[in-house]
Amino acid sequence: MPLRFFIKQWLMPPGVLFLLLLAAWWWRRRRPRLAAGCFVLGLGGLWLMSLPLVVQQGARVLETEPALGVDDWSKLATRADAIVVLGAGRERGDPAWGGADQPTFLALERMRYGAQLAKASGLPVLTSGGLHYGTPPSEAQLMADRLQADFDVKVSWREEASRTTWENAELSAKILQPLGKKRVVVVTQAWHMQRSRWSFERAGFEVVPAPVGFLGRDHARPFAGLLPESRAMWQSGQLLNEVAGLVGYRLFY
């Protein structure tokens, strides 16, 4: 896992863009034209990744599933057998919580939405997510604990072994399908829903998409979103990782 993580960080932006800038410096005297190309690609890529406008336009390509209508929440029980909330990592040892690990803000966004859907529909909930750092508690356990404590939603099942979206689907199927539950509401980020739906459908589920956290809406930034922003850099990284995931899943799965 550490080696795979290391390689991925340098093959994907912004890591690969820093490598291009390093190559530009290395070749600046021996191969100046190549160095100039590397510099333009590296710096230009970092600049584009930092723009809210680029995030908005990129997200619109990935966010193909529409949001559920609020009026449809109570009707989900006629369309599905369970709600699956996908994990999104965890934060280590937050002192504000007595040193206990906590779900990330992306996971909390999914949990909050999943809790509202569960209360409105009465559907049971499964949380899905394995050992993010290779040590307990699992993402599924953290989410289940916080759903109960913060939203008063009891989680019926926990899938605690998955490391990828594909495994979220495959291992959730092993829990739910023997119980006759083959229709699921999948809760995840809007930009992650394409890959999630694809994975769950290939695991044998009928999927009701419940995307949340849309990035493709009006960014509301000044100067048309053309000023660099640190948050946009992180969001661009998430979107690029999703594009790589979509391509990779279709090639390998």
C-alpha atoms as a PDB file:
ATOM      1  CA  MET A   1       0.000   0.000   0.000  1.00  0.00           C
ATOM      2  CA  PRO A   2       2.703   2.643   0.827  1.00  0.00           C
ATOM      3  CA  LEU A   3       4.496   1.946  -2.492  1.00  0.00           C
ATOM      4  CA  ARG A   4       1.246   2.160  -4.464  1.00  0.00           C
ATOM      5  CA  PHE A   5       0.376   5.395  -2.689  1.00  0.00           C
ATOM      6  CA  PHE A   6       3.849   6.833  -3.391  1.00  0.00           C
ATOM      7  CA  ILE A   7       3.680   5.995  -7.106  1.00  0.00           C
ATOM      8  CA  LYS A   8       0.141   7.327  -7.456  1.00  0.00           C
ATOM      9  CA  GLN A   9       1.052  10.637  -5.825  1.00  0.00           C
ATOM     10  CA  TRP A  10       3.796  11.264  -8.382  1.00  0.00           C
ATOM     11  CA  LEU A  11       1.911  10.007 -11.448  1.00  0.00           C
ATOM     12  CA  MET A  12      -1.156  12.148 -10.745  1.00  0.00           C
ATOM     13  CA  PRO A  13      -1.332  15.951 -10.562  1.00  0.00           C
ATOM     14  CA  PRO A  14      -0.059  17.929  -8.810  1.00  0.00           C
ATOM     15  CA  GLY A  15       2.851  15.492  -8.259  1.00  0.00           C
ATOM     16  CA  VAL A  16       3.536  14.969 -11.970  1.00  0.00           C
ATOM     17  CA  LEU A  17       3.411  18.750 -12.533  1.00  0.00           C
ATOM     18  CA  PHE A  18       6.139  19.278  -9.933  1.00  0.00           C
ATOM     19  CA  LEU A  19       8.176  16.603 -11.723  1.00  0.00           C
ATOM     20  CA  LEU A  20       7.783  18.560 -14.963  1.00  0.00           C
ATOM     21  CA  LEU A  21       9.073  21.705 -13.253  1.00  0.00           C
ATOM     22  CA  LEU A  22      11.989  19.734 -11.833  1.00  0.00           C
ATOM     23  CA  ALA A  23      12.727  18.361 -15.326  1.00  0.00           C
ATOM     24  CA  ALA A  24      12.618  21.912 -16.728  1.00  0.00           C
ATOM     25  CA  TRP A  25      15.269  23.010 -14.236  1.00  0.00           C
ATOM     26  CA  TRP A  26      17.390  19.893 -14.922  1.00  0.00           C
ATOM     27  CA  TRP A  27      17.331  20.350 -18.720  1.00  0.00           C
ATOM     28  CA  ARG A  28      17.503  24.158 -18.760  1.00  0.00           C
ATOM     29  CA  ARG A  29      21.018  24.215 -20.261  1.00  0.00           C
ATOM     30  CA  ARG A  30      21.400  20.927 -22.115  1.00  0.00           C
ATOM     31  CA  ARG A  31      17.934  20.867 -23.747  1.00  0.00           C
ATOM     32  CA  PRO A  32      16.450  24.358 -23.412  1.00  0.00           C
ATOM     33  CA  ARG A  33      13.486  23.793 -25.764  1.00  0.00           C
ATOM     34  CA  LEU A  34      12.423  20.646 -23.924  1.00  0.00           C
ATOM     35  CA  ALA A  35      12.965  22.462 -20.637  1.00  0.00           C
ATOM     36  CA  ALA A  36      10.722  25.299 -21.795  1.00  0.00           C
ATOM     37  CA  GLY A  37       7.985  22.828 -22.731  1.00  0.00           C
ATOM     38  CA  CYS A  38       8.183  21.104 -19.376  1.00  0.00           C
ATOM     39  CA  PHE A  39       8.059  24.466 -17.618  1.00  0.00           C
ATOM     40  CA  VAL A  40       4.974  25.604 -19.517  1.00  0.00           C
ATOM     41  CA  LEU A  41       3.176  22.308 -18.899  1.00  0.00           C
ATOM     42  CA  GLY A  42       4.114  22.164 -15.224  1.00  0.00           C
ATOM     43  CA  LEU A  43       3.347  25.772 -14.331  1.00  0.00           C
ATOM     44  CA  GLY A  44       0.331  25.939 -16.629  1.00  0.00           C
ATOM     45  CA  GLY A  45      -1.101  22.760 -15.123  1.00  0.00           C
ATOM     46  CA  LEU A  46      -0.685  24.051 -11.575  1.00  0.00           C
ATOM     47  CA  TRP A  47      -2.327  27.364 -12.527  1.00  0.00           C
ATOM     48  CA  LEU A  48      -5.312  25.648 -14.159  1.00  0.00           C
ATOM     49  CA  MET A  49      -5.775  23.327 -11.189  1.00  0.00           C
ATOM     50  CA  SER A  50      -5.955  26.330  -8.871  1.00  0.00           C
ATOM     51  CA  LEU A  51      -8.845  28.045 -10.672  1.00  0.00           C
ATOM     52  CA  PRO A  52     -12.435  27.717  -9.359  1.00  0.00           C
ATOM     53  CA  LEU A  53     -13.725  28.119 -12.917  1.00  0.00           C
ATOM     54  CA  VAL A  54     -11.800  25.015 -14.012  1.00  0.00           C
ATOM     55  CA  VAL A  55     -13.191  23.054 -11.054  1.00  0.00           C
ATOM     56  CA  GLN A  56     -16.734  24.091 -11.962  1.00  0.00           C
ATOM     57  CA  GLN A  57     -16.406  23.151 -15.616  1.00  0.00           C
ATOM     58  CA  GLY A  58     -14.598  19.894 -14.887  1.00  0.00           C
ATOM     59  CA  ALA A  59     -17.186  18.861 -12.308  1.00  0.00           C
ATOM     60  CA  ARG A  60     -19.998  19.392 -14.789  1.00  0.00           C
ATOM     61  CA  VAL A  61     -18.490  16.677 -16.978  1.00  0.00           C
ATOM     62  CA  LEU A  62     -18.413  14.173 -14.113  1.00  0.00           C
ATOM     63  CA  GLU A  63     -21.648  15.098 -12.335  1.00  0.00           C
ATOM     64  CA  THR A  64     -24.032  13.359 -14.720  1.00  0.00           C
ATOM     65  CA  GLU A  65     -26.532  12.093 -12.132  1.00  0.00           C
ATOM     66  CA  PRO A  66     -29.166  14.638 -11.026  1.00  0.00           C
ATOM     67  CA  ALA A  67     -29.913  15.270  -7.385  1.00  0.00           C
ATOM     68  CA  LEU A  68     -32.908  13.593  -5.788  1.00  0.00           C
ATOM     69  CA  GLY A  69     -35.873  15.883  -5.374  1.00  0.00           C
ATOM     70  CA  VAL A  70     -36.699  16.645  -1.746  1.00  0.00           C
ATOM     71  CA  ASP A  71     -40.259  15.470  -2.404  1.00  0.00           C
ATOM     72  CA  ASP A  72     -38.872  12.098  -3.514  1.00  0.00           C
ATOM     73  CA  TRP A  73     -37.102  11.309  -0.234  1.00  0.00           C
ATOM     74  CA  SER A  74     -40.159   9.789   1.421  1.00  0.00           C
ATOM     75  CA  LYS A  75     -40.876   7.669  -1.663  1.00  0.00           C
ATOM     76  CA  LEU A  76     -37.504   5.913  -1.704  1.00  0.00           C
ATOM     77  CA  ALA A  77     -38.904   2.907   0.154  1.00  0.00           C
ATOM     78  CA  THR A  78     -40.875   2.044  -2.981  1.00  0.00           C
ATOM     79  CA  ARG A  79     -37.730   2.136  -5.118  1.00  0.00           C
ATOM     80  CA  ALA A  80     -35.039   0.595  -2.891  1.00  0.00           C
ATOM     81  CA  ASP A  81     -34.392  -1.882  -0.090  1.00  0.00           C
ATOM     82  CA  ALA A  82     -31.518  -0.116   1.682  1.00  0.00           C
ATOM     83  CA  ILE A  83     -29.319   2.981   1.746  1.00  0.00           C
ATOM     84  CA  VAL A  84     -25.565   2.581   1.265  1.00  0.00           C
ATOM     85  CA  VAL A  85     -23.355   5.437   2.470  1.00  0.00           C
ATOM     86  CA  LEU A  86     -19.839   5.247   1.041  1.00  0.00           C
ATOM     87  CA  GLY A  87     -16.841   6.158   3.195  1.00  0.00           C
ATOM     88  CA  ALA A  88     -14.495   9.018   2.377  1.00  0.00           C
ATOM     89  CA  GLY A  89     -11.522   8.523   4.687  1.00  0.00           C
ATOM     90  CA  ARG A  90     -10.925   9.514   8.285  1.00  0.00           C
ATOM     91  CA  GLU A  91      -9.022  12.115  10.278  1.00  0.00           C
ATOM     92  CA  ARG A  92      -6.539  10.803  12.828  1.00  0.00           C
ATOM     93  CA  GLY A  93      -6.747  11.531  16.544  1.00  0.00           C
ATOM     94  CA  ASP A  94      -8.642  14.817  16.790  1.00  0.00           C
ATOM     95  CA  PRO A  95      -7.886  16.316  20.260  1.00  0.00           C
ATOM     96  CA  ALA A  96     -11.283  18.028  20.247  1.00  0.00           C
ATOM     97  CA  TRP A  97     -12.845  14.557  20.403  1.00  0.00           C
ATOM     98  CA  GLY A  98     -10.555  13.178  23.073  1.00  0.00           C
ATOM     99  CA  GLY A  99      -8.029  11.961  20.498  1.00  0.00           C
ATOM    100  CA  ALA A 100     -10.588   9.788  18.673  1.00  0.00           C
ATOM    101  CA  ASP A 101     -10.497   9.419  14.904  1.00  0.00           C
ATOM    102  CA  GLN A 102     -13.285  11.192  13.026  1.00  0.00           C
ATOM    103  CA  PRO A 103     -14.874  10.945   9.547  1.00  0.00           C
ATOM    104  CA  THR A 104     -13.597  13.497   7.036  1.00  0.00           C
ATOM    105  CA  PHE A 105     -15.783  16.437   6.066  1.00  0.00           C
ATOM    106  CA  LEU A 106     -16.651  14.639   2.809  1.00  0.00           C
ATOM    107  CA  ALA A 107     -17.793  11.610   4.778  1.00  0.00           C
ATOM    108  CA  LEU A 108     -19.813  13.866   7.073  1.00  0.00           C
ATOM    109  CA  GLU A 109     -21.513  15.441   4.072  1.00  0.00           C
ATOM    110  CA  ARG A 110     -22.512  11.976   2.850  1.00  0.00           C
ATOM    111  CA  MET A 111     -23.595  10.905   6.345  1.00  0.00           C
ATOM    112  CA  ARG A 112     -25.776  13.968   6.851  1.00  0.00           C
ATOM    113  CA  TYR A 113     -27.529  13.388   3.545  1.00  0.00           C
ATOM    114  CA  GLY A 114     -27.852   9.654   4.133  1.00  0.00           C
ATOM    115  CA  ALA A 115     -29.353  10.335   7.561  1.00  0.00           C
ATOM    116  CA  GLN A 116     -31.987  12.625   6.085  1.00  0.00           C
ATOM    117  CA  LEU A 117     -32.891  10.043   3.448  1.00  0.00           C
ATOM    118  CA  ALA A 118     -33.098   7.299   6.070  1.00  0.00           C
ATOM    119  CA  LYS A 119     -35.384   9.347   8.323  1.00  0.00           C
ATOM    120  CA  ALA A 120     -37.625  10.370   5.447  1.00  0.00           C
ATOM    121  CA  SER A 121     -37.897   6.896   3.897  1.00  0.00           C
ATOM    122  CA  GLY A 122     -37.506   4.523   6.830  1.00  0.00           C
ATOM    123  CA  LEU A 123     -34.964   2.487   4.841  1.00  0.00           C
ATOM    124  CA  PRO A 124     -32.171   0.634   6.718  1.00  0.00           C
ATOM    125  CA  VAL A 125     -28.602   1.897   6.313  1.00  0.00           C
ATOM    126  CA  LEU A 126     -25.309   0.190   5.446  1.00  0.00           C
ATOM    127  CA  THR A 127     -22.038   2.068   5.851  1.00  0.00           C
ATOM    128  CA  SER A 128     -19.147   0.977   3.640  1.00  0.00           C
ATOM    129  CA  GLY A 129     -15.437   1.629   4.173  1.00  0.00           C
ATOM    130  CA  GLY A 130     -12.417  -0.305   5.368  1.00  0.00           C
ATOM    131  CA  LEU A 131      -9.271   0.470   7.359  1.00  0.00           C
ATOM    132  CA  HIS A 132      -8.121   3.755   5.858  1.00  0.00           C
ATOM    133  CA  TYR A 133      -4.702   3.647   7.575  1.00  0.00           C
ATOM    134  CA  GLY A 134      -4.544  -0.111   8.002  1.00  0.00           C
ATOM    135  CA  THR A 135      -5.582   0.155  11.647  1.00  0.00           C
ATOM    136  CA  PRO A 136      -8.997   0.156  13.337  1.00  0.00           C
ATOM    137  CA  PRO A 137     -11.542   1.620  13.544  1.00  0.00           C
ATOM    138  CA  SER A 138     -12.858   1.176  10.023  1.00  0.00           C
ATOM    139  CA  GLU A 139     -14.476   4.017   8.108  1.00  0.00           C
ATOM    140  CA  ALA A 140     -17.755   2.077   8.277  1.00  0.00           C
ATOM    141  CA  GLN A 141     -17.538   1.856  12.075  1.00  0.00           C
ATOM    142  CA  LEU A 142     -16.713   5.545  12.460  1.00  0.00           C
ATOM    143  CA  MET A 143     -19.641   6.518  10.256  1.00  0.00           C
ATOM    144  CA  ALA A 144     -21.997   4.156  12.074  1.00  0.00           C
ATOM    145  CA  ASP A 145     -20.981   5.596  15.443  1.00  0.00           C
ATOM    146  CA  ARG A 146     -21.429   9.203  14.346  1.00  0.00           C
ATOM    147  CA  LEU A 147     -24.693   8.525  12.510  1.00  0.00           C
ATOM    148  CA  GLN A 148     -26.096   7.154  15.771  1.00  0.00           C
ATOM    149  CA  ALA A 149     -24.627   9.831  18.034  1.00  0.00           C
ATOM    150  CA  ASP A 150     -25.048  12.914  15.831  1.00  0.00           C
ATOM    151  CA  PHE A 151     -28.085  12.100  13.671  1.00  0.00           C
ATOM    152  CA  ASP A 152     -29.937   9.471  15.737  1.00  0.00           C
ATOM    153  CA  VAL A 153     -29.792   6.994  12.841  1.00  0.00           C
ATOM    154  CA  LYS A 154     -29.048   3.378  13.660  1.00  0.00           C
ATOM    155  CA  VAL A 155     -26.882   1.589  11.084  1.00  0.00           C
ATOM    156  CA  SER A 156     -28.076  -1.928  10.288  1.00  0.00           C
ATOM    157  CA  TRP A 157     -24.934  -3.223   8.571  1.00  0.00           C
ATOM    158  CA  ARG A 158     -21.257  -2.255   8.349  1.00  0.00           C
ATOM    159  CA  GLU A 159     -19.008  -3.276   5.460  1.00  0.00           C
ATOM    160  CA  GLU A 160     -15.545  -2.834   6.978  1.00  0.00           C
ATOM    161  CA  ALA A 161     -13.071  -4.381   4.527  1.00  0.00           C
ATOM    162  CA  SER A 162     -13.247  -2.322   1.311  1.00  0.00           C
ATOM    163  CA  ARG A 163     -10.386  -0.149   0.074  1.00  0.00           C
ATOM    164  CA  THR A 164     -11.823   1.001  -3.254  1.00  0.00           C
ATOM    165  CA  THR A 165     -15.179   1.902  -4.774  1.00  0.00           C
ATOM    166  CA  TRP A 166     -15.199  -1.440  -6.573  1.00  0.00           C
ATOM    167  CA  GLU A 167     -14.754  -3.240  -3.260  1.00  0.00           C
ATOM    168  CA  ASN A 168     -17.444  -1.038  -1.682  1.00  0.00           C
ATOM    169  CA  ALA A 169     -19.846  -2.547  -4.190  1.00  0.00           C
ATOM    170  CA  GLU A 170     -18.568  -6.138  -4.183  1.00  0.00           C
ATOM    171  CA  LEU A 171     -18.442  -6.473  -0.405  1.00  0.00           C
ATOM    172  CA  SER A 172     -21.734  -4.663   0.147  1.00  0.00           C
ATOM    173  CA  ALA A 173     -23.302  -7.180  -2.244  1.00  0.00           C
ATOM    174  CA  LYS A 174     -22.075 -10.054  -0.075  1.00  0.00           C
ATOM    175  CA  ILE A 175     -23.885  -8.536   2.897  1.00  0.00           C
ATOM    176  CA  LEU A 176     -27.117  -7.312   1.320  1.00  0.00           C
ATOM    177  CA  GLN A 177     -27.937  -9.636  -1.560  1.00  0.00           C
ATOM    178  CA  PRO A 178     -28.217 -12.833   0.540  1.00  0.00           C
ATOM    179  CA  LEU A 179     -30.877 -10.912   2.493  1.00  0.00           C
ATOM    180  CA  GLY A 180     -32.804 -10.242  -0.701  1.00  0.00           C
ATOM    181  CA  LYS A 181     -31.823  -6.584  -0.843  1.00  0.00           C
ATOM    182  CA  LYS A 182     -30.853  -5.883  -4.443  1.00  0.00           C
ATOM    183  CA  ARG A 183     -32.079  -2.295  -4.821  1.00  0.00           C
ATOM    184  CA  VAL A 184     -29.930   0.311  -3.081  1.00  0.00           C
ATOM    185  CA  VAL A 185     -29.775   4.057  -2.690  1.00  0.00           C
ATOM    186  CA  VAL A 186     -26.079   4.932  -3.059  1.00  0.00           C
ATOM    187  CA  VAL A 187     -24.949   8.106  -1.281  1.00  0.00           C
ATOM    188  CA  THR A 188     -21.668   9.675  -2.363  1.00  0.00           C
ATOM    189  CA  GLN A 189     -20.260  12.876  -3.883  1.00  0.00           C
ATOM    190  CA  ALA A 190     -21.868  13.929  -7.158  1.00  0.00           C
ATOM    191  CA  TRP A 191     -18.524  13.748  -8.981  1.00  0.00           C
ATOM    192  CA  HIS A 192     -17.962  10.211  -7.627  1.00  0.00           C
ATOM    193  CA  MET A 193     -21.409   8.893  -8.566  1.00  0.00           C
ATOM    194  CA  GLN A 194     -20.617   7.746 -12.115  1.00  0.00           C
ATOM    195  CA  ARG A 195     -17.992   5.299 -10.905  1.00  0.00           C
ATOM    196  CA  SER A 196     -20.024   4.286  -7.876  1.00  0.00           C
ATOM    197  CA  ARG A 197     -23.149   3.517  -9.884  1.00  0.00           C
ATOM    198  CA  TRP A 198     -21.125   1.597 -12.462  1.00  0.00           C
ATOM    199  CA  SER A 199     -19.500  -0.505  -9.729  1.00  0.00           C
ATOM    200  CA  PHE A 200     -22.710  -1.255  -7.836  1.00  0.00           C
ATOM    201  CA  GLU A 201     -24.605  -2.183 -10.986  1.00  0.00           C
ATOM    202  CA  ARG A 202     -21.881  -4.640 -11.941  1.00  0.00           C
ATOM    203  CA  ALA A 203     -22.104  -6.104  -8.453  1.00  0.00           C
ATOM    204  CA  GLY A 204     -25.729  -6.979  -9.218  1.00  0.00           C
ATOM    205  CA  PHE A 205     -27.581  -4.042  -7.667  1.00  0.00           C
ATOM    206  CA  GLU A 206     -30.319  -1.847  -9.030  1.00  0.00           C
ATOM    207  CA  VAL A 207     -29.068   1.615  -8.087  1.00  0.00           C
ATOM    208  CA  VAL A 208     -30.931   4.757  -7.088  1.00  0.00           C
ATOM    209  CA  PRO A 209     -28.247   7.483  -7.216  1.00  0.00           C
ATOM    210  CA  ALA A 210     -28.266   9.978  -4.337  1.00  0.00           C
ATOM    211  CA  PRO A 211     -25.440  12.398  -5.170  1.00  0.00           C
ATOM    212  CA  VAL A 212     -24.457  15.188  -2.797  1.00  0.00           C
ATOM    213  CA  GLY A 213     -21.809  17.915  -2.706  1.00  0.00           C
ATOM    214  CA  PHE A 214     -22.113  19.187  -6.277  1.00  0.00           C
ATOM    215  CA  LEU A 215     -19.128  21.217  -7.514  1.00  0.00           C
ATOM    216  CA  GLY A 216     -20.466  22.005 -10.986  1.00  0.00           C
ATOM    217  CA  ARG A 217     -22.778  24.775  -9.833  1.00  0.00           C
ATOM    218  CA  ASP A 218     -22.046  28.510  -9.926  1.00  0.00           C
ATOM    219  CA  HIS A 219     -18.774  28.931  -8.011  1.00  0.00           C
ATOM    220  CA  ALA A 220     -19.757  32.492  -6.936  1.00  0.00           C
ATOM    221  CA  ARG A 221     -16.102  33.596  -6.858  1.00  0.00           C
ATOM    222  CA  PRO A 222     -15.040  37.115  -7.866  1.00  0.00           C
ATOM    223  CA  PHE A 223     -13.250  37.776 -11.155  1.00  0.00           C
ATOM    224  CA  ALA A 224     -15.135  34.893 -12.837  1.00  0.00           C
ATOM    225  CA  GLY A 225     -13.198  32.301 -10.833  1.00  0.00           C
ATOM    226  CA  LEU A 226      -9.934  33.114 -12.615  1.00  0.00           C
ATOM    227  CA  LEU A 227      -7.888  33.836  -9.489  1.00  0.00           C
ATOM    228  CA  PRO A 228      -5.835  30.982  -7.981  1.00  0.00           C
ATOM    229  CA  GLU A 229      -7.306  29.392  -4.868  1.00  0.00           C
ATOM    230  CA  SER A 230      -5.884  26.671  -2.635  1.00  0.00           C
ATOM    231  CA  ARG A 231      -9.259  24.977  -2.203  1.00  0.00           C
ATOM    232  CA  ALA A 232      -9.657  24.729  -5.977  1.00  0.00           C
ATOM    233  CA  MET A 233      -6.277  22.990  -6.180  1.00  0.00           C
ATOM    234  CA  TRP A 234      -7.492  20.242  -3.838  1.00  0.00           C
ATOM    235  CA  GLN A 235     -10.828  19.934  -5.626  1.00  0.00           C
ATOM    236  CA  SER A 236      -9.095  19.666  -9.003  1.00  0.00           C
ATOM    237  CA  GLY A 237      -7.001  16.829  -7.618  1.00  0.00           C
ATOM    238  CA  GLN A 238     -10.167  15.005  -6.564  1.00  0.00           C
ATOM    239  CA  LEU A 239     -11.722  15.433 -10.005  1.00  0.00           C
ATOM    240  CA  LEU A 240      -8.580  14.273 -11.809  1.00  0.00           C
ATOM    241  CA  ASN A 241      -8.358  11.244  -9.553  1.00  0.00           C
ATOM    242  CA  GLU A 242     -11.975  10.463 -10.445  1.00  0.00           C
ATOM    243  CA  VAL A 243     -11.249  10.682 -14.174  1.00  0.00           C
ATOM    244  CA  ALA A 244      -8.349   8.265 -13.718  1.00  0.00           C
ATOM    245  CA  GLY A 245     -10.634   5.973 -11.733  1.00  0.00           C
ATOM    246  CA  LEU A 246     -13.318   5.961 -14.403  1.00  0.00           C
ATOM    247  CA  VAL A 247     -10.786   5.035 -17.088  1.00  0.00           C
ATOM    248  CA  GLY A 248      -9.014   2.483 -14.916  1.00  0.00           C
ATOM    249  CA  TYR A 249     -12.187   0.722 -13.815  1.00  0.00           C
ATOM    250  CA  ARG A 250     -13.333   0.233 -17.381  1.00  0.00           C
ATOM    251  CA  LEU A 251      -9.934  -1.119 -18.354  1.00  0.00           C
ATOM    252  CA  PHE A 252      -9.368  -3.474 -15.408  1.00  0.00           C
ATOM    253  CA  TYR A 253     -12.831  -4.403 -14.173  1.00  0.00           C
END
